[in-house]
Amino acid sequence: MNYTAEVKYLPACLVYYKQGIVPSLADIPEFVLRAAAECREKNPDLRCVEPGYCYTAYPEVCSEKNVFIEYGEAVEAAGYETETIRFKELESVSAVCVLHRGDYTNLGEAYRFALAWAAEHGYEVSAPPREQYIHGVWDREQSE
């Protein structure tokens, strides 16, 4: 895939989030769906911001197995927390952004490109990398 990079300003936002370990990157969609269901169960009236903003972040060095992730989604107001669902404010940040189309199979290439581009242009990593989803498990038909 031919990648390009762009520096974008990401505004601050309030999110609900859940952290956990997934066996592999392929298990992220199930983690996302469980996190949303758990948040909705405790907070049935919680409203997400429009346009929607959700992400997966990697607070630790990412490997292919037993990956520690954080999934979050921007909301209008904080709700009730659970043992695993929390709320926090994400600070505004300028970010090196790369668009990746497709599944996770080649996602590492996008990260390698983004990190190389950032270093080449004088940027330093200051926070865990995160992915913003344009499409995901919530707007795709599930195969049975």
N, C-alpha and C. Protein backbone atom coordinates (compact mmCIF):
# COMPACT_ATOMS: atom_id res chain seq x y z
N MET A 1 0.85 -1.18 0.00
CA MET A 1 0.00 0.00 0.00
C MET A 1 0.89 1.23 0.00
N ASN A 2 0.52 2.22 -0.78
CA ASN A 2 1.24 3.48 -0.80
C ASN A 2 0.66 4.41 0.26
N TYR A 3 1.44 4.69 1.28
CA TYR A 3 0.98 5.54 2.37
C TYR A 3 1.46 6.96 2.19
N THR A 4 0.69 7.89 2.72
CA THR A 4 1.11 9.27 2.86
C THR A 4 0.83 9.67 4.30
N ALA A 5 1.56 10.64 4.79
CA ALA A 5 1.39 11.10 6.16
C ALA A 5 0.91 12.54 6.16
N GLU A 6 0.18 12.87 7.19
CA GLU A 6 -0.34 14.23 7.35
C GLU A 6 -0.37 14.53 8.84
N VAL A 7 0.03 15.72 9.21
CA VAL A 7 -0.05 16.13 10.61
C VAL A 7 -1.42 16.77 10.81
N LYS A 8 -2.17 16.22 11.76
CA LYS A 8 -3.52 16.73 12.04
C LYS A 8 -3.63 17.12 13.51
N TYR A 9 -4.47 18.09 13.76
CA TYR A 9 -4.78 18.49 15.13
C TYR A 9 -5.97 17.66 15.60
N LEU A 10 -5.79 16.93 16.69
CA LEU A 10 -6.88 16.16 17.28
C LEU A 10 -7.35 16.90 18.52
N PRO A 11 -8.59 17.38 18.54
CA PRO A 11 -9.07 18.14 19.69
C PRO A 11 -9.25 17.26 20.91
N ALA A 12 -9.26 17.89 22.06
CA ALA A 12 -9.53 17.18 23.31
C ALA A 12 -10.94 16.62 23.27
N CYS A 13 -11.13 15.51 23.95
CA CYS A 13 -12.47 14.93 24.03
C CYS A 13 -12.57 14.04 25.26
N LEU A 14 -13.79 13.88 25.74
CA LEU A 14 -14.09 12.99 26.85
C LEU A 14 -14.41 11.63 26.26
N VAL A 15 -13.83 10.57 26.81
CA VAL A 15 -14.06 9.23 26.30
C VAL A 15 -14.41 8.27 27.43
N TYR A 16 -15.17 7.23 27.10
CA TYR A 16 -15.18 6.05 27.96
C TYR A 16 -14.13 5.14 27.37
N TYR A 17 -13.48 4.35 28.21
CA TYR A 17 -12.44 3.47 27.69
C TYR A 17 -12.36 2.19 28.51
N LYS A 18 -11.79 1.18 27.89
CA LYS A 18 -11.54 -0.09 28.55
C LYS A 18 -10.17 -0.57 28.12
N GLN A 19 -9.39 -1.04 29.08
CA GLN A 19 -8.09 -1.62 28.78
C GLN A 19 -8.13 -3.12 29.01
N GLY A 20 -7.32 -3.85 28.26
CA GLY A 20 -7.26 -5.28 28.44
C GLY A 20 -6.27 -5.91 27.49
N ILE A 21 -6.13 -7.21 27.61
CA ILE A 21 -5.22 -7.97 26.76
C ILE A 21 -6.05 -8.80 25.78
N VAL A 22 -5.70 -8.70 24.51
CA VAL A 22 -6.33 -9.55 23.49
C VAL A 22 -5.29 -10.56 23.02
N PRO A 23 -5.73 -11.79 22.73
CA PRO A 23 -4.77 -12.82 22.31
C PRO A 23 -3.99 -12.44 21.05
N SER A 24 -4.65 -11.73 20.12
CA SER A 24 -3.98 -11.30 18.89
C SER A 24 -4.71 -10.07 18.35
N LEU A 25 -4.12 -9.41 17.38
CA LEU A 25 -4.76 -8.24 16.78
C LEU A 25 -6.10 -8.59 16.15
N ALA A 26 -6.25 -9.81 15.69
CA ALA A 26 -7.50 -10.25 15.08
C ALA A 26 -8.64 -10.28 16.09
N ASP A 27 -8.33 -10.26 17.39
CA ASP A 27 -9.35 -10.30 18.43
C ASP A 27 -9.83 -8.91 18.86
N ILE A 28 -9.28 -7.87 18.30
CA ILE A 28 -9.67 -6.51 18.68
C ILE A 28 -11.15 -6.24 18.42
N PRO A 29 -11.72 -6.62 17.26
CA PRO A 29 -13.15 -6.33 17.04
C PRO A 29 -14.06 -6.90 18.14
N GLU A 30 -13.79 -8.09 18.61
CA GLU A 30 -14.61 -8.67 19.69
C GLU A 30 -14.44 -7.88 20.98
N PHE A 31 -13.23 -7.44 21.28
CA PHE A 31 -12.96 -6.62 22.46
C PHE A 31 -13.75 -5.32 22.38
N VAL A 32 -13.75 -4.71 21.20
CA VAL A 32 -14.48 -3.45 20.97
C VAL A 32 -15.97 -3.65 21.24
N LEU A 33 -16.55 -4.69 20.68
CA LEU A 33 -17.98 -4.95 20.87
C LEU A 33 -18.32 -5.23 22.33
N ARG A 34 -17.47 -5.97 23.02
CA ARG A 34 -17.72 -6.24 24.45
C ARG A 34 -17.62 -4.97 25.28
N ALA A 35 -16.65 -4.12 24.98
CA ALA A 35 -16.49 -2.87 25.72
C ALA A 35 -17.73 -1.98 25.53
N ALA A 36 -18.20 -1.87 24.30
CA ALA A 36 -19.39 -1.05 24.04
C ALA A 36 -20.61 -1.61 24.75
N ALA A 37 -20.78 -2.93 24.72
CA ALA A 37 -21.93 -3.55 25.39
C ALA A 37 -21.87 -3.33 26.90
N GLU A 38 -20.68 -3.48 27.47
CA GLU A 38 -20.52 -3.27 28.91
C GLU A 38 -20.82 -1.83 29.30
N CYS A 39 -20.34 -0.88 28.51
CA CYS A 39 -20.61 0.53 28.80
C CYS A 39 -22.10 0.83 28.67
N ARG A 40 -22.72 0.32 27.61
CA ARG A 40 -24.14 0.57 27.36
C ARG A 40 -25.02 -0.04 28.46
N GLU A 41 -24.62 -1.21 28.97
CA GLU A 41 -25.40 -1.85 30.04
C GLU A 41 -25.45 -0.98 31.29
N LYS A 42 -24.34 -0.37 31.65
CA LYS A 42 -24.29 0.48 32.85
C LYS A 42 -24.77 1.90 32.56
N ASN A 43 -24.72 2.31 31.29
CA ASN A 43 -25.04 3.69 30.91
C ASN A 43 -25.96 3.71 29.70
N PRO A 44 -27.19 3.25 29.82
CA PRO A 44 -28.07 3.14 28.65
C PRO A 44 -28.39 4.48 27.98
N ASP A 45 -28.27 5.58 28.71
CA ASP A 45 -28.58 6.90 28.13
C ASP A 45 -27.34 7.66 27.68
N LEU A 46 -26.17 7.06 27.78
CA LEU A 46 -24.93 7.72 27.37
C LEU A 46 -24.96 7.98 25.88
N ARG A 47 -24.57 9.18 25.48
CA ARG A 47 -24.60 9.55 24.07
C ARG A 47 -23.18 9.78 23.56
N CYS A 48 -22.88 9.20 22.42
CA CYS A 48 -21.59 9.42 21.77
C CYS A 48 -21.63 10.74 21.03
N VAL A 49 -20.47 11.35 20.84
CA VAL A 49 -20.41 12.62 20.12
C VAL A 49 -20.65 12.37 18.64
N GLU A 50 -21.08 13.40 17.96
CA GLU A 50 -21.25 13.37 16.50
C GLU A 50 -20.35 14.44 15.91
N PRO A 51 -19.54 14.19 14.93
CA PRO A 51 -19.33 12.86 14.36
C PRO A 51 -18.62 11.96 15.37
N GLY A 52 -18.81 10.68 15.23
CA GLY A 52 -18.25 9.73 16.17
C GLY A 52 -16.73 9.69 16.13
N TYR A 53 -16.15 9.36 17.27
CA TYR A 53 -14.70 9.18 17.36
C TYR A 53 -14.43 8.00 18.28
N CYS A 54 -13.86 6.95 17.74
CA CYS A 54 -13.43 5.83 18.57
C CYS A 54 -12.02 5.45 18.17
N TYR A 55 -11.33 4.79 19.07
CA TYR A 55 -9.92 4.49 18.83
C TYR A 55 -9.49 3.24 19.59
N THR A 56 -8.38 2.68 19.16
CA THR A 56 -7.64 1.69 19.93
C THR A 56 -6.25 2.25 20.10
N ALA A 57 -5.75 2.22 21.33
CA ALA A 57 -4.39 2.67 21.62
C ALA A 57 -3.59 1.49 22.15
N TYR A 58 -2.29 1.62 22.01
CA TYR A 58 -1.38 0.57 22.45
C TYR A 58 -0.44 1.16 23.51
N PRO A 59 -0.86 1.14 24.80
CA PRO A 59 -0.06 1.76 25.86
C PRO A 59 1.30 1.09 26.10
N GLU A 60 1.47 -0.14 25.64
CA GLU A 60 2.75 -0.84 25.78
C GLU A 60 3.24 -1.23 24.40
N VAL A 61 4.49 -1.63 24.32
CA VAL A 61 5.04 -2.07 23.04
C VAL A 61 4.17 -3.19 22.50
N CYS A 62 3.76 -3.05 21.26
CA CYS A 62 2.83 -3.99 20.65
C CYS A 62 3.56 -5.21 20.11
N SER A 63 3.01 -6.36 20.38
CA SER A 63 3.53 -7.60 19.81
C SER A 63 2.38 -8.26 19.05
N GLU A 64 2.61 -9.42 18.50
CA GLU A 64 1.56 -10.09 17.74
C GLU A 64 0.65 -10.94 18.62
N LYS A 65 1.09 -11.28 19.82
CA LYS A 65 0.31 -12.12 20.73
C LYS A 65 0.16 -11.42 22.07
N ASN A 66 -0.98 -11.65 22.72
CA ASN A 66 -1.26 -11.07 24.04
C ASN A 66 -0.98 -9.57 24.06
N VAL A 67 -1.74 -8.86 23.27
CA VAL A 67 -1.55 -7.43 23.05
C VAL A 67 -2.36 -6.63 24.07
N PHE A 68 -1.69 -5.74 24.80
CA PHE A 68 -2.36 -4.86 25.75
C PHE A 68 -2.90 -3.66 24.98
N ILE A 69 -4.22 -3.46 25.02
CA ILE A 69 -4.84 -2.37 24.26
C ILE A 69 -5.75 -1.54 25.16
N GLU A 70 -6.08 -0.37 24.64
CA GLU A 70 -7.10 0.49 25.23
C GLU A 70 -8.05 0.86 24.12
N TYR A 71 -9.33 0.56 24.31
CA TYR A 71 -10.34 0.98 23.35
C TYR A 71 -11.13 2.11 23.99
N GLY A 72 -11.41 3.16 23.23
CA GLY A 72 -12.19 4.26 23.76
C GLY A 72 -13.11 4.86 22.71
N GLU A 73 -14.14 5.53 23.20
CA GLU A 73 -15.09 6.20 22.31
C GLU A 73 -15.50 7.52 22.95
N ALA A 74 -15.53 8.58 22.14
CA ALA A 74 -15.87 9.91 22.63
C ALA A 74 -17.35 10.00 22.98
N VAL A 75 -17.64 10.60 24.14
CA VAL A 75 -19.00 10.72 24.63
C VAL A 75 -19.28 12.17 25.03
N GLU A 76 -20.57 12.49 25.13
CA GLU A 76 -20.97 13.86 25.48
C GLU A 76 -20.74 14.19 26.95
N ALA A 77 -20.87 13.19 27.83
CA ALA A 77 -20.70 13.41 29.26
C ALA A 77 -20.27 12.10 29.91
N ALA A 78 -19.62 12.21 31.05
CA ALA A 78 -19.19 11.01 31.77
C ALA A 78 -20.41 10.28 32.31
N GLY A 79 -20.27 8.98 32.45
CA GLY A 79 -21.33 8.15 32.99
C GLY A 79 -20.84 7.37 34.20
N TYR A 80 -21.49 6.26 34.47
CA TYR A 80 -21.12 5.41 35.58
C TYR A 80 -19.98 4.48 35.16
N GLU A 81 -18.97 4.41 36.01
CA GLU A 81 -17.85 3.52 35.74
C GLU A 81 -18.13 2.12 36.28
N THR A 82 -17.45 1.14 35.72
CA THR A 82 -17.51 -0.24 36.19
C THR A 82 -16.09 -0.63 36.61
N GLU A 83 -15.89 -1.91 36.87
CA GLU A 83 -14.54 -2.36 37.19
C GLU A 83 -13.59 -2.16 36.02
N THR A 84 -14.11 -2.20 34.80
CA THR A 84 -13.23 -2.10 33.63
C THR A 84 -13.54 -0.92 32.71
N ILE A 85 -14.70 -0.31 32.82
CA ILE A 85 -15.04 0.86 32.01
C ILE A 85 -14.77 2.12 32.83
N ARG A 86 -13.97 3.01 32.25
CA ARG A 86 -13.61 4.26 32.91
C ARG A 86 -13.87 5.42 31.96
N PHE A 87 -13.80 6.63 32.49
CA PHE A 87 -13.96 7.85 31.70
C PHE A 87 -12.73 8.73 31.92
N LYS A 88 -12.31 9.43 30.86
CA LYS A 88 -11.18 10.36 30.98
C LYS A 88 -11.23 11.36 29.84
N GLU A 89 -10.48 12.43 30.01
CA GLU A 89 -10.32 13.45 28.99
C GLU A 89 -9.04 13.16 28.22
N LEU A 90 -9.16 13.02 26.90
CA LEU A 90 -7.97 12.94 26.05
C LEU A 90 -7.56 14.37 25.73
N GLU A 91 -6.30 14.69 25.95
CA GLU A 91 -5.80 16.03 25.65
C GLU A 91 -5.72 16.24 24.14
N SER A 92 -5.79 17.49 23.73
CA SER A 92 -5.60 17.80 22.32
C SER A 92 -4.15 17.51 21.96
N VAL A 93 -3.94 17.15 20.70
CA VAL A 93 -2.60 16.78 20.28
C VAL A 93 -2.47 16.96 18.77
N SER A 94 -1.27 17.27 18.32
CA SER A 94 -0.97 17.21 16.90
C SER A 94 -0.42 15.82 16.64
N ALA A 95 -0.94 15.14 15.63
CA ALA A 95 -0.58 13.75 15.40
C ALA A 95 -0.19 13.52 13.95
N VAL A 96 0.79 12.66 13.76
CA VAL A 96 1.13 12.18 12.42
C VAL A 96 0.10 11.12 12.08
N CYS A 97 -0.65 11.34 11.02
CA CYS A 97 -1.76 10.45 10.66
C CYS A 97 -1.49 9.79 9.30
N VAL A 98 -1.78 8.50 9.25
CA VAL A 98 -1.62 7.70 8.04
C VAL A 98 -2.90 6.90 7.87
N LEU A 99 -3.46 6.90 6.68
CA LEU A 99 -4.68 6.15 6.39
C LEU A 99 -4.33 4.74 5.93
N HIS A 100 -4.86 3.75 6.63
CA HIS A 100 -4.67 2.34 6.26
C HIS A 100 -6.03 1.78 5.87
N ARG A 101 -6.09 1.17 4.71
CA ARG A 101 -7.33 0.54 4.26
C ARG A 101 -7.17 -0.97 4.36
N GLY A 102 -8.17 -1.63 4.92
CA GLY A 102 -8.12 -3.08 5.00
C GLY A 102 -8.02 -3.59 6.43
N ASP A 103 -7.75 -4.87 6.54
CA ASP A 103 -7.70 -5.51 7.85
C ASP A 103 -6.34 -5.29 8.51
N TYR A 104 -6.12 -6.00 9.60
CA TYR A 104 -4.90 -5.83 10.38
C TYR A 104 -3.68 -6.53 9.80
N THR A 105 -3.85 -7.32 8.76
CA THR A 105 -2.76 -8.12 8.24
C THR A 105 -1.51 -7.29 7.95
N ASN A 106 -1.69 -6.13 7.33
CA ASN A 106 -0.54 -5.30 6.95
C ASN A 106 -0.47 -3.99 7.75
N LEU A 107 -1.15 -3.93 8.86
CA LEU A 107 -1.19 -2.69 9.64
C LEU A 107 0.19 -2.26 10.12
N GLY A 108 1.05 -3.23 10.40
CA GLY A 108 2.41 -2.90 10.85
C GLY A 108 3.15 -2.02 9.86
N GLU A 109 2.87 -2.21 8.56
CA GLU A 109 3.50 -1.38 7.53
C GLU A 109 3.11 0.08 7.70
N ALA A 110 1.84 0.34 8.04
CA ALA A 110 1.38 1.71 8.25
C ALA A 110 2.10 2.34 9.44
N TYR A 111 2.26 1.57 10.52
CA TYR A 111 2.98 2.09 11.68
C TYR A 111 4.45 2.36 11.36
N ARG A 112 5.09 1.44 10.65
CA ARG A 112 6.49 1.66 10.29
C ARG A 112 6.64 2.91 9.43
N PHE A 113 5.72 3.09 8.48
CA PHE A 113 5.77 4.28 7.63
C PHE A 113 5.59 5.54 8.48
N ALA A 114 4.59 5.54 9.36
CA ALA A 114 4.31 6.72 10.18
C ALA A 114 5.51 7.08 11.07
N LEU A 115 6.12 6.09 11.70
CA LEU A 115 7.26 6.35 12.58
C LEU A 115 8.46 6.85 11.79
N ALA A 116 8.72 6.26 10.63
CA ALA A 116 9.83 6.72 9.80
C ALA A 116 9.59 8.14 9.31
N TRP A 117 8.36 8.42 8.87
CA TRP A 117 8.03 9.76 8.39
C TRP A 117 8.19 10.78 9.51
N ALA A 118 7.70 10.45 10.70
CA ALA A 118 7.79 11.36 11.85
C ALA A 118 9.26 11.67 12.17
N ALA A 119 10.09 10.64 12.24
CA ALA A 119 11.50 10.85 12.54
C ALA A 119 12.18 11.69 11.46
N GLU A 120 11.87 11.40 10.21
CA GLU A 120 12.46 12.14 9.09
C GLU A 120 12.08 13.62 9.11
N HIS A 121 10.90 13.93 9.65
CA HIS A 121 10.42 15.31 9.68
C HIS A 121 10.56 15.97 11.04
N GLY A 122 11.35 15.36 11.94
CA GLY A 122 11.67 16.00 13.21
C GLY A 122 10.64 15.84 14.32
N TYR A 123 9.72 14.91 14.19
CA TYR A 123 8.72 14.67 15.24
C TYR A 123 9.17 13.54 16.15
N GLU A 124 8.72 13.58 17.40
CA GLU A 124 9.01 12.54 18.36
C GLU A 124 7.70 11.95 18.87
N VAL A 125 7.71 10.68 19.18
CA VAL A 125 6.54 10.03 19.75
C VAL A 125 6.39 10.51 21.20
N SER A 126 5.23 11.04 21.54
CA SER A 126 5.01 11.58 22.88
C SER A 126 3.86 10.89 23.62
N ALA A 127 3.19 9.98 22.95
CA ALA A 127 2.05 9.27 23.56
C ALA A 127 1.91 7.93 22.86
N PRO A 128 1.19 7.01 23.49
CA PRO A 128 0.99 5.72 22.83
C PRO A 128 0.28 5.90 21.49
N PRO A 129 0.68 5.12 20.49
CA PRO A 129 -0.01 5.23 19.20
C PRO A 129 -1.46 4.81 19.32
N ARG A 130 -2.31 5.45 18.54
CA ARG A 130 -3.72 5.07 18.55
C ARG A 130 -4.27 5.09 17.14
N GLU A 131 -5.25 4.24 16.95
CA GLU A 131 -5.92 4.12 15.67
C GLU A 131 -7.33 4.67 15.80
N GLN A 132 -7.72 5.48 14.85
CA GLN A 132 -9.10 5.94 14.78
C GLN A 132 -9.77 5.15 13.68
N TYR A 133 -10.95 4.66 13.96
CA TYR A 133 -11.64 3.84 12.98
C TYR A 133 -12.66 4.65 12.21
N ILE A 134 -12.61 4.54 10.90
CA ILE A 134 -13.60 5.17 10.03
C ILE A 134 -14.76 4.20 9.84
N HIS A 135 -14.43 2.93 9.64
CA HIS A 135 -15.41 1.86 9.58
C HIS A 135 -14.93 0.76 10.51
N GLY A 136 -15.85 0.00 11.02
CA GLY A 136 -15.47 -1.09 11.92
C GLY A 136 -16.57 -2.11 12.06
N VAL A 137 -16.46 -2.90 13.11
CA VAL A 137 -17.41 -3.99 13.33
C VAL A 137 -18.84 -3.49 13.53
N TRP A 138 -19.01 -2.24 13.91
CA TRP A 138 -20.35 -1.72 14.17
C TRP A 138 -21.12 -1.38 12.90
N ASP A 139 -20.45 -1.20 11.77
CA ASP A 139 -21.18 -0.85 10.54
C ASP A 139 -20.91 -1.84 9.41
N ARG A 140 -20.60 -3.04 9.76
CA ARG A 140 -20.40 -4.12 8.79
C ARG A 140 -21.32 -5.26 9.12
N GLU A 141 -21.77 -5.98 8.11
CA GLU A 141 -22.58 -7.16 8.35
C GLU A 141 -21.68 -8.24 8.94
N GLN A 142 -22.19 -8.91 9.96
CA GLN A 142 -21.44 -9.98 10.61
C GLN A 142 -21.66 -11.28 9.86
N SER A 143 -20.58 -11.99 9.57
CA SER A 143 -20.74 -13.30 8.94
C SER A 143 -21.03 -14.33 10.02
N GLU A 144 -21.82 -15.30 9.68
CA GLU A 144 -22.21 -16.32 10.66
C GLU A 144 -21.40 -17.56 10.47
